[in-house]
């Protein structure tokens, strides 16, 4: 028996205790991955070949192996807390130095960038002005734009309705201000190029001389001539009015395509500063004439006013959607993930980050839920995968190993003292 065996045992046990202590210390560190000490025996080289009776000279720590098992996912109230479910790492950039992390506790810095506690930037693909993701490009630092969402002028106005076939037309001249001169009316909102809302009203007057024939009129913001009551600055398909003819089954016959409504806002309001005229495509193709009361069953338009960001959401696929006060959403960007052939080859560099190495292989970059990359969960964090109970049991075992190795050295010392006293 030599001191070498005991000393190697002390060193191995001490390292094991350090690893266990580091695991326990990071039990509450989001995204932390525990490690285990792996040991191997030591044999002295022999110049005379293999000796079947050779005794080893102790143990050594062969590696500190990281365990990348999934940690528990805990809900939070912060939408920028993001957990990765299954494989993958966040790709982080610190002034161009790329690292990887499982800690998804992010916040927005004073410049609008998404960063972690160490100040490293979360990377991904930014969206263009139209909200289209620039996938396939090199991932860049993700940034929130604080600019207002620009308004979108109405270009389509779809309305579905039923005109009452039981109504009787008369010869009265249409007057938008006199309900006795038309049978039905409905209205909706249209948006101009500056984001202002206007009321587009449609009026339907039944012919007193032609069967199943109606005339459609339109006004904007109720602007009409006085005292005639005719619309100002609005034409339907080039005319002040548009005829609508239904067949004997109440199906619209003469309008098979959408109609263009030209709105001259400058005629309605001489101080209007937006684009004019504005063309709105009116879709009446689903209109019917049945023997039932007038009713509107569909009314949609595609314009919206300007809006300020009121919040955001992050999907399982990493897409970041901005929510605006106008009720609209816009894609701002998409988070990317990275994976490695051998994640255990990653080098820990602190702050919950790892760096690639020749042992880990090249990073495989992609968006969440593609390939072998996991999905994201917003308003949640991935906890450390350290099991405190298991670590305490390991600590007891490592302590026993340390004590036994110390006892081995003590015994060797007593033997030597005995020999020297002979």
Protein backbone atom coordinates (compact mmCIF):
# COMPACT_ATOMS: atom_id res chain seq x y z
CA UNK A 1 0.00 0.00 0.00
CA UNK A 2 1.35 3.45 -0.97
CA UNK A 3 0.41 7.02 -0.31
CA UNK A 4 -0.41 7.43 -4.02
CA UNK A 5 -3.67 5.48 -3.74
CA UNK A 6 -4.95 7.51 -0.84
CA UNK A 7 -3.90 10.83 -2.34
CA UNK A 8 -5.60 10.02 -5.65
CA UNK A 9 -8.72 9.03 -3.72
CA UNK A 10 -8.67 12.32 -1.80
CA UNK A 11 -8.26 14.30 -4.99
CA UNK A 12 -11.05 12.40 -6.73
CA UNK A 13 -13.42 12.73 -3.77
CA UNK A 14 -12.58 16.42 -3.38
CA UNK A 15 -13.34 17.09 -7.05
CA UNK A 16 -16.55 15.11 -6.77
CA UNK A 17 -17.62 17.19 -3.77
CA UNK A 18 -16.83 20.37 -5.71
CA UNK A 19 -19.02 19.23 -8.61
CA UNK A 20 -21.85 18.29 -6.24
CA UNK A 21 -21.49 21.59 -4.39
CA UNK A 22 -21.64 23.53 -7.66
CA UNK A 23 -24.80 21.65 -8.64
CA UNK A 24 -26.46 22.42 -5.31
CA UNK A 25 -25.39 26.08 -5.45
CA UNK A 26 -27.10 26.43 -8.84
CA UNK A 27 -30.26 24.56 -7.94
CA UNK A 28 -32.25 27.78 -8.42
CA UNK A 29 -30.36 29.02 -11.51
CA UNK A 30 -32.71 29.06 -14.51
CA UNK A 31 -31.50 26.89 -17.36
CA UNK A 32 -28.59 25.44 -15.34
CA UNK A 33 -27.50 21.93 -16.29
CA UNK A 34 -25.96 19.72 -13.63
CA UNK A 35 -22.66 17.91 -14.06
CA UNK A 36 -21.29 14.65 -12.77
CA UNK A 37 -17.67 13.70 -12.09
CA UNK A 38 -16.57 10.62 -14.02
CA UNK A 39 -13.59 8.59 -12.76
CA UNK A 40 -11.08 6.15 -14.20
CA UNK A 41 -8.34 4.05 -12.68
CA UNK A 42 -4.59 4.72 -13.05
CA UNK A 43 -1.99 2.12 -14.00
CA UNK A 44 1.76 2.71 -14.16
CA UNK A 45 3.48 1.94 -17.45
CA UNK A 46 5.79 -1.07 -17.42
CA UNK A 47 8.94 -1.28 -19.58
CA UNK A 48 8.68 -5.05 -19.57
CA UNK A 49 5.17 -5.35 -20.98
CA UNK A 50 1.94 -6.32 -19.33
CA UNK A 51 2.01 -7.68 -15.83
CA UNK A 52 -1.08 -9.66 -14.96
CA UNK A 53 -0.35 -9.11 -11.31
CA UNK A 54 0.11 -5.37 -11.62
CA UNK A 55 -1.82 -3.28 -9.08
CA UNK A 56 -3.17 0.12 -10.05
CA UNK A 57 -1.92 3.30 -8.41
CA UNK A 58 -5.25 4.99 -7.75
CA UNK A 59 -8.06 6.86 -9.45
CA UNK A 60 -8.43 10.09 -11.37
CA UNK A 61 -11.22 12.31 -12.64
CA UNK A 62 -11.49 11.52 -16.32
CA UNK A 63 -14.09 14.19 -17.11
CA UNK A 64 -16.77 16.48 -15.74
CA UNK A 65 -19.79 15.47 -17.82
CA UNK A 66 -22.64 17.95 -18.28
CA UNK A 67 -26.16 16.54 -18.15
CA UNK A 68 -28.46 18.34 -20.58
CA UNK A 69 -31.70 16.75 -19.44
CA UNK A 70 -34.90 18.82 -19.48
CA UNK A 71 -35.58 20.97 -16.43
CA UNK A 72 -39.05 21.63 -15.08
CA UNK A 73 -40.92 24.49 -16.78
CA UNK A 74 -42.49 27.01 -14.41
CA UNK A 75 -45.02 29.68 -15.48
CA UNK A 76 -44.19 33.35 -14.81
CA UNK A 77 -45.88 36.71 -15.40
CA UNK A 78 -43.14 38.06 -17.69
CA UNK A 79 -43.76 37.53 -21.44
CA UNK A 80 -40.01 37.78 -22.01
CA UNK A 81 -39.39 34.73 -19.83
CA UNK A 82 -39.02 32.02 -22.46
CA UNK A 83 -38.48 28.31 -21.84
CA UNK A 84 -37.19 25.79 -24.36
CA UNK A 85 -39.08 22.51 -24.43
CA UNK A 86 -36.80 19.67 -25.57
CA UNK A 87 -33.59 20.26 -27.54
CA UNK A 88 -31.88 23.49 -28.47
CA UNK A 89 -30.10 26.55 -27.11
CA UNK A 90 -30.73 30.27 -27.40
CA UNK A 91 -28.13 31.87 -29.65
CA UNK A 92 -26.64 34.87 -27.84
CA UNK A 93 -24.27 37.57 -29.07
CA UNK A 94 -22.08 39.83 -26.93
CA UNK A 95 -20.50 42.41 -29.24
CA UNK A 96 -20.19 39.71 -31.88
CA UNK A 97 -18.94 36.95 -29.55
CA UNK A 98 -21.49 34.15 -29.97
CA UNK A 99 -22.50 31.91 -27.08
CA UNK A 100 -25.39 29.60 -26.27
CA UNK A 101 -27.76 29.45 -23.32
CA UNK A 102 -30.81 27.69 -21.89
CA UNK A 103 -31.59 30.56 -19.53
CA UNK A 104 -34.56 32.35 -21.08
CA UNK A 105 -34.89 35.20 -18.59
CA UNK A 106 -34.79 38.19 -20.94
CA UNK A 107 -35.65 41.88 -20.81
CA UNK A 108 -35.54 44.86 -23.17
CA UNK A 109 -32.65 47.28 -22.76
CA UNK A 110 -32.81 51.05 -23.25
CA UNK A 111 -32.13 50.65 -26.98
CA UNK A 112 -34.95 48.17 -27.54
CA UNK A 113 -32.78 45.05 -27.82
CA UNK A 114 -33.75 41.77 -26.14
CA UNK A 115 -30.94 40.91 -23.71
CA UNK A 116 -30.27 38.60 -20.77
CA UNK A 117 -28.98 39.53 -17.32
CA UNK A 118 -25.37 39.61 -18.56
CA UNK A 119 -26.24 42.03 -21.36
CA UNK A 120 -25.85 39.50 -24.19
CA UNK A 121 -28.27 39.94 -27.10
CA UNK A 122 -30.81 37.33 -28.11
CA UNK A 123 -30.50 36.66 -31.84
CA UNK A 124 -32.95 35.69 -34.55
CA UNK A 125 -34.46 36.94 -37.79
CA UNK A 126 -35.95 40.42 -38.04
CA UNK A 127 -39.12 41.13 -40.02
CA UNK A 128 -39.31 43.73 -42.79
CA UNK A 129 -41.80 46.60 -42.96
CA UNK A 130 -44.47 44.23 -44.23
CA UNK A 131 -43.95 41.83 -41.33
CA UNK A 132 -42.21 39.19 -43.47
CA UNK A 133 -39.46 37.20 -41.73
CA UNK A 134 -36.05 37.43 -43.39
CA UNK A 135 -35.33 33.73 -42.83
CA UNK A 136 -32.18 32.22 -44.28
CA UNK A 137 -30.07 35.26 -43.48
CA UNK A 138 -27.47 35.41 -40.72
CA UNK A 139 -29.21 35.73 -37.33
CA UNK A 140 -29.01 39.23 -35.93
CA UNK A 141 -29.71 40.89 -32.60
CA UNK A 142 -33.47 41.05 -32.07
CA UNK A 143 -34.84 44.52 -31.43
CA UNK A 144 -38.28 45.89 -30.65
CA UNK A 145 -39.36 48.85 -32.75
CA UNK A 146 -41.14 51.53 -30.73
CA UNK A 147 -42.48 53.28 -33.83
CA UNK A 148 -46.23 53.59 -34.29
CA UNK A 149 -47.86 51.16 -36.67
CA UNK A 150 -48.64 53.11 -39.85
CA UNK A 151 -52.30 53.29 -40.89
CA UNK A 152 -53.62 51.30 -43.81
CA UNK A 153 -56.17 52.88 -46.12
CA UNK A 154 -59.26 50.81 -46.86
CA UNK A 155 -59.10 49.13 -50.25
CA UNK A 156 -61.84 46.51 -49.87
CA UNK A 157 -65.31 46.77 -48.35
CA UNK A 158 -67.29 43.53 -48.32
CA UNK A 159 -70.93 43.56 -47.34
CA UNK A 160 -73.48 40.76 -47.43
CA UNK A 161 -77.18 41.49 -46.95
CA UNK A 162 -80.72 40.56 -47.90
CA UNK A 163 -83.11 43.04 -49.49
CA UNK A 164 -86.76 42.51 -48.66
CA UNK A 165 -88.53 41.32 -51.83
CA UNK A 166 -91.88 42.36 -50.34
CA UNK A 167 -91.01 46.05 -50.47
CA UNK A 168 -92.79 48.24 -53.03
CA UNK A 169 -90.78 50.91 -54.85
CA UNK A 170 -92.04 54.37 -55.66
CA UNK A 171 -91.17 57.19 -58.05
CA UNK A 172 -89.72 59.49 -55.39
CA UNK A 173 -86.25 60.89 -56.14
CA UNK A 174 -83.57 59.48 -53.83
CA UNK A 175 -82.64 61.78 -50.96
CA UNK A 176 -80.12 60.50 -48.41
CA UNK A 177 -81.69 62.71 -45.75
CA UNK A 178 -85.22 61.42 -46.34
CA UNK A 179 -85.82 57.77 -45.28
CA UNK A 180 -89.05 57.74 -47.29
CA UNK A 181 -87.06 57.83 -50.55
CA UNK A 182 -85.25 54.53 -50.04
CA UNK A 183 -86.11 51.14 -48.57
CA UNK A 184 -82.95 50.03 -46.70
CA UNK A 185 -79.59 51.35 -45.52
CA UNK A 186 -76.47 50.16 -43.72
CA UNK A 187 -73.08 51.67 -42.97
CA UNK A 188 -69.53 50.78 -42.00
CA UNK A 189 -66.14 52.35 -41.40
CA UNK A 190 -63.49 53.13 -44.01
CA UNK A 191 -59.99 54.44 -43.27
CA UNK A 192 -58.24 57.11 -45.33
CA UNK A 193 -54.49 57.29 -46.06
CA UNK A 194 -53.86 59.33 -42.89
CA UNK A 195 -55.61 56.82 -40.65
CA UNK A 196 -58.79 58.85 -40.16
CA UNK A 197 -62.05 56.96 -39.83
CA UNK A 198 -65.01 57.77 -42.08
CA UNK A 199 -68.54 56.41 -42.31
CA UNK A 200 -69.45 54.81 -45.64
CA UNK A 201 -73.23 54.50 -45.88
CA UNK A 202 -75.03 52.40 -48.48
CA UNK A 203 -78.66 53.08 -49.47
CA UNK A 204 -80.90 50.75 -51.47
CA UNK A 205 -83.94 52.03 -53.37
CA UNK A 206 -86.30 49.63 -55.15
CA UNK A 207 -87.53 50.44 -58.64
CA UNK A 208 -91.21 51.23 -59.06
CA UNK A 209 -91.20 50.15 -62.72
CA UNK A 210 -88.73 47.25 -63.08
CA UNK A 211 -89.19 43.93 -61.27
CA UNK A 212 -86.50 42.77 -58.85
CA UNK A 213 -84.41 45.88 -59.56
CA UNK A 214 -82.77 48.08 -56.96
CA UNK A 215 -80.43 51.07 -57.09
CA UNK A 216 -77.49 51.41 -54.69
CA UNK A 217 -76.23 54.81 -53.52
CA UNK A 218 -73.31 55.66 -51.22
CA UNK A 219 -72.35 58.61 -49.05
CA UNK A 220 -69.26 59.27 -46.93
CA UNK A 221 -69.64 61.01 -43.57
CA UNK A 222 -73.22 61.85 -44.54
CA UNK A 223 -72.08 64.56 -46.96
CA UNK A 224 -74.87 65.33 -49.43
CA UNK A 225 -75.99 68.25 -51.57
CA UNK A 226 -78.66 70.48 -50.19
CA UNK A 227 -81.52 70.44 -50.72
CA UNK A 228 -81.29 67.53 -53.19
CA UNK A 229 -79.82 65.02 -50.76
CA UNK A 230 -77.49 63.46 -53.38
CA UNK A 231 -74.02 62.14 -52.36
CA UNK A 232 -70.95 64.39 -52.62
CA UNK A 233 -67.61 63.06 -53.84
CA UNK A 234 -68.67 59.39 -54.14
CA UNK A 235 -69.20 57.32 -57.28
CA UNK A 236 -69.85 53.58 -57.65
CA UNK A 237 -68.13 52.03 -60.67
CA UNK A 238 -67.97 55.47 -62.28
CA UNK A 239 -71.61 56.37 -61.69
CA UNK A 240 -73.45 58.21 -58.87
CA UNK A 241 -75.56 55.06 -58.47
CA UNK A 242 -75.50 51.37 -59.43
CA UNK A 243 -78.41 49.16 -60.44
CA UNK A 244 -78.83 45.71 -58.92
CA UNK A 245 -80.97 43.08 -60.65
CA UNK A 246 -82.06 39.82 -59.00
CA UNK A 247 -83.52 36.73 -60.65
CA UNK A 248 -86.75 34.97 -59.71
CA UNK A 249 -84.92 33.04 -56.97
CA UNK A 250 -83.51 36.14 -55.30
CA UNK A 251 -79.93 35.73 -56.60
CA UNK A 252 -78.01 38.79 -57.78
CA UNK A 253 -77.53 38.59 -61.54
CA UNK A 254 -75.94 41.66 -63.06
CA UNK A 255 -73.02 42.17 -60.64
CA UNK A 256 -70.57 39.31 -61.07
CA UNK A 257 -67.43 41.19 -60.08
CA UNK A 258 -66.51 43.68 -57.38
CA UNK A 259 -67.35 47.35 -57.88
CA UNK A 260 -64.94 50.24 -57.42
CA UNK A 261 -66.14 53.05 -55.17
CA UNK A 262 -64.17 56.25 -55.77
CA UNK A 263 -64.12 58.61 -52.79
CA UNK A 264 -62.99 62.18 -53.40
CA UNK A 265 -62.18 63.30 -49.86
CA UNK A 266 -61.13 66.74 -51.09
CA UNK A 267 -64.70 67.33 -52.31
CA UNK A 268 -66.10 66.14 -48.99
CA UNK A 269 -63.61 68.22 -46.98
CA UNK A 270 -61.55 70.90 -48.81
CA UNK A 271 -58.95 70.84 -46.01
CA UNK A 272 -58.31 67.10 -46.32
CA UNK A 273 -54.59 66.45 -46.72
CA UNK A 274 -54.52 62.75 -47.52
CA UNK A 275 -54.48 60.91 -50.82
CA UNK A 276 -57.57 61.51 -52.91
CA UNK A 277 -59.45 60.07 -54.67
CA UNK A 278 -59.35 56.78 -52.77
CA UNK A 279 -60.63 53.66 -54.48
CA UNK A 280 -62.47 51.11 -52.35
CA UNK A 281 -63.49 47.84 -53.97
CA UNK A 282 -67.08 47.11 -52.97
CA UNK A 283 -68.19 43.50 -52.94
CA UNK A 284 -71.96 43.01 -53.13
CA UNK A 285 -71.87 39.62 -54.84
CA UNK A 286 -73.43 37.78 -51.88
CA UNK A 287 -76.46 40.10 -51.76
CA UNK A 288 -79.88 38.41 -52.00
CA UNK A 289 -83.50 39.44 -52.42
CA UNK A 290 -85.75 37.12 -50.46
CA UNK A 291 -89.14 37.64 -48.91
CA UNK A 292 -87.78 38.40 -45.47
CA UNK A 293 -86.76 41.53 -43.59
CA UNK A 294 -83.67 43.47 -44.58
CA UNK A 295 -80.61 42.28 -42.69
CA UNK A 296 -76.83 42.51 -42.91
CA UNK A 297 -74.96 39.24 -42.42
CA UNK A 298 -71.40 40.32 -43.27
CA UNK A 299 -69.54 43.63 -43.13
CA UNK A 300 -65.74 43.77 -43.30
CA UNK A 301 -63.06 46.15 -44.53
CA UNK A 302 -59.27 45.86 -44.56
CA UNK A 303 -58.17 49.31 -43.36
CA UNK A 304 -56.96 50.31 -39.92
CA UNK A 305 -55.83 53.40 -38.06
CA UNK A 306 -52.34 54.01 -36.70
CA UNK A 307 -51.51 52.39 -33.39
CA UNK A 308 -48.93 52.21 -30.64
CA UNK A 309 -47.51 48.97 -29.32
CA UNK A 310 -49.50 47.85 -26.33
CA UNK A 311 -47.86 44.46 -25.84
CA UNK A 312 -46.44 41.46 -27.61
CA UNK A 313 -46.68 37.69 -27.73
CA UNK A 314 -44.09 35.02 -28.51
CA UNK A 315 -45.30 31.83 -30.17
CA UNK A 316 -44.05 28.27 -29.83
CA UNK A 317 -42.31 28.75 -33.20
CA UNK A 318 -40.40 31.77 -31.89
CA UNK A 319 -42.35 34.38 -33.86
CA UNK A 320 -42.70 37.67 -31.97
CA UNK A 321 -45.98 39.48 -32.63
CA UNK A 322 -46.47 43.11 -31.65
CA UNK A 323 -49.96 44.04 -30.44
CA UNK A 324 -51.06 47.61 -31.21
CA UNK A 325 -53.69 49.94 -29.80
CA UNK A 326 -55.45 49.90 -33.17
CA UNK A 327 -56.30 46.24 -32.62
CA UNK A 328 -53.75 45.08 -35.19
CA UNK A 329 -50.79 42.74 -34.84
CA UNK A 330 -47.51 42.78 -36.73
CA UNK A 331 -44.69 40.26 -36.92
CA UNK A 332 -41.54 41.81 -35.47
CA UNK A 333 -39.09 38.92 -35.73
CA UNK A 334 -38.41 35.28 -34.93
CA UNK A 335 -36.13 33.73 -32.34
CA UNK A 336 -33.66 31.11 -33.58
CA UNK A 337 -32.29 28.11 -31.72
CA UNK A 338 -29.07 26.16 -32.11
CA UNK A 339 -28.26 22.52 -31.48
CA UNK A 340 -25.08 20.45 -31.52
CA UNK A 341 -24.14 16.90 -32.44
CA UNK A 342 -22.42 16.60 -29.05
CA UNK A 343 -23.77 19.15 -26.55
CA UNK A 344 -21.50 17.69 -23.84
CA UNK A 345 -18.60 19.10 -25.83
CA UNK A 346 -19.76 22.66 -25.17
CA UNK A 347 -17.48 24.71 -22.94
CA UNK A 348 -19.10 26.51 -19.96
CA UNK A 349 -18.06 30.17 -19.88
CA UNK A 350 -20.22 31.45 -17.03
CA UNK A 351 -23.43 33.48 -16.80
CA UNK A 352 -25.32 30.43 -18.00
CA UNK A 353 -23.55 30.48 -21.36
CA UNK A 354 -21.64 27.86 -23.30
CA UNK A 355 -19.22 28.24 -26.20
CA UNK A 356 -18.80 25.80 -29.04
CA UNK A 357 -15.66 23.69 -29.28
CA UNK A 358 -14.22 21.12 -31.68
CA UNK A 359 -15.77 18.44 -29.46
CA UNK A 360 -19.28 19.91 -29.71
CA UNK A 361 -19.23 20.32 -33.47
CA UNK A 362 -20.64 23.18 -35.51
CA UNK A 363 -23.93 24.77 -34.36
CA UNK A 364 -27.04 23.68 -36.27
CA UNK A 365 -29.10 26.88 -36.53
CA UNK A 366 -32.84 26.90 -37.19
CA UNK A 367 -36.19 28.18 -35.99
CA UNK A 368 -38.08 26.40 -33.20
CA UNK A 369 -40.18 23.33 -34.06
CA UNK A 370 -38.06 22.47 -37.09
CA UNK A 371 -35.66 19.56 -37.40
CA UNK A 372 -34.63 18.34 -33.96
CA UNK A 373 -35.13 21.74 -32.36
CA UNK A 374 -37.67 22.11 -29.58
CA UNK A 375 -40.50 24.58 -29.12
CA UNK A 376 -40.69 27.74 -27.03
CA UNK A 377 -43.04 28.61 -24.19
CA UNK A 378 -43.45 32.27 -23.30
CA UNK A 379 -44.29 33.42 -19.77
CA UNK A 380 -42.25 30.50 -18.41
CA UNK A 381 -38.72 29.58 -17.40
CA UNK A 382 -36.87 26.30 -17.45
CA UNK A 383 -35.63 25.50 -13.97
CA UNK A 384 -32.30 23.91 -13.16
CA UNK A 385 -32.29 20.15 -13.71
CA UNK A 386 -30.55 19.61 -10.35
CA UNK A 387 -32.29 17.12 -8.04
CA UNK A 388 -31.39 18.30 -4.53
CA UNK A 389 -32.26 14.96 -2.90
CA UNK A 390 -30.09 13.03 -5.34
CA UNK A 391 -27.22 15.49 -4.85
CA UNK A 392 -27.35 15.11 -1.06
CA UNK A 393 -27.14 11.33 -1.43
CA UNK A 394 -24.15 11.76 -3.76
CA UNK A 395 -22.57 14.08 -1.22
CA UNK A 396 -22.81 11.44 1.51
CA UNK A 397 -21.18 8.90 -0.79
CA UNK A 398 -18.41 11.34 -1.78
CA UNK A 399 -17.83 12.19 1.90
CA UNK A 400 -17.45 8.48 2.71
CA UNK A 401 -14.98 8.13 -0.13
CA UNK A 402 -12.98 11.09 1.17
CA UNK A 403 -12.94 9.71 4.73
CA UNK A 404 -11.89 6.25 3.53
CA UNK A 405 -9.03 7.69 1.45
CA UNK A 406 -7.88 9.75 4.44
CA UNK A 407 -8.00 6.62 6.59
CA UNK A 408 -5.94 4.81 3.96
CA UNK A 409 -3.21 7.48 4.24
CA UNK A 410 -3.35 7.30 8.02
CA UNK A 411 -2.92 3.51 7.90
CA UNK A 412 0.02 3.80 5.51
CA UNK A 413 1.62 6.31 7.84
CA UNK A 414 1.25 3.91 10.81
CA UNK A 415 2.85 1.09 8.82
CA UNK A 416 5.82 3.25 7.96
CA UNK A 417 6.24 4.28 11.60
CA UNK A 418 6.16 0.63 12.63
CA UNK A 419 8.84 -0.24 10.12
CA UNK A 420 11.09 2.62 11.20
CA UNK A 421 10.82 1.53 14.84
CA UNK A 422 12.14 -2.00 14.18
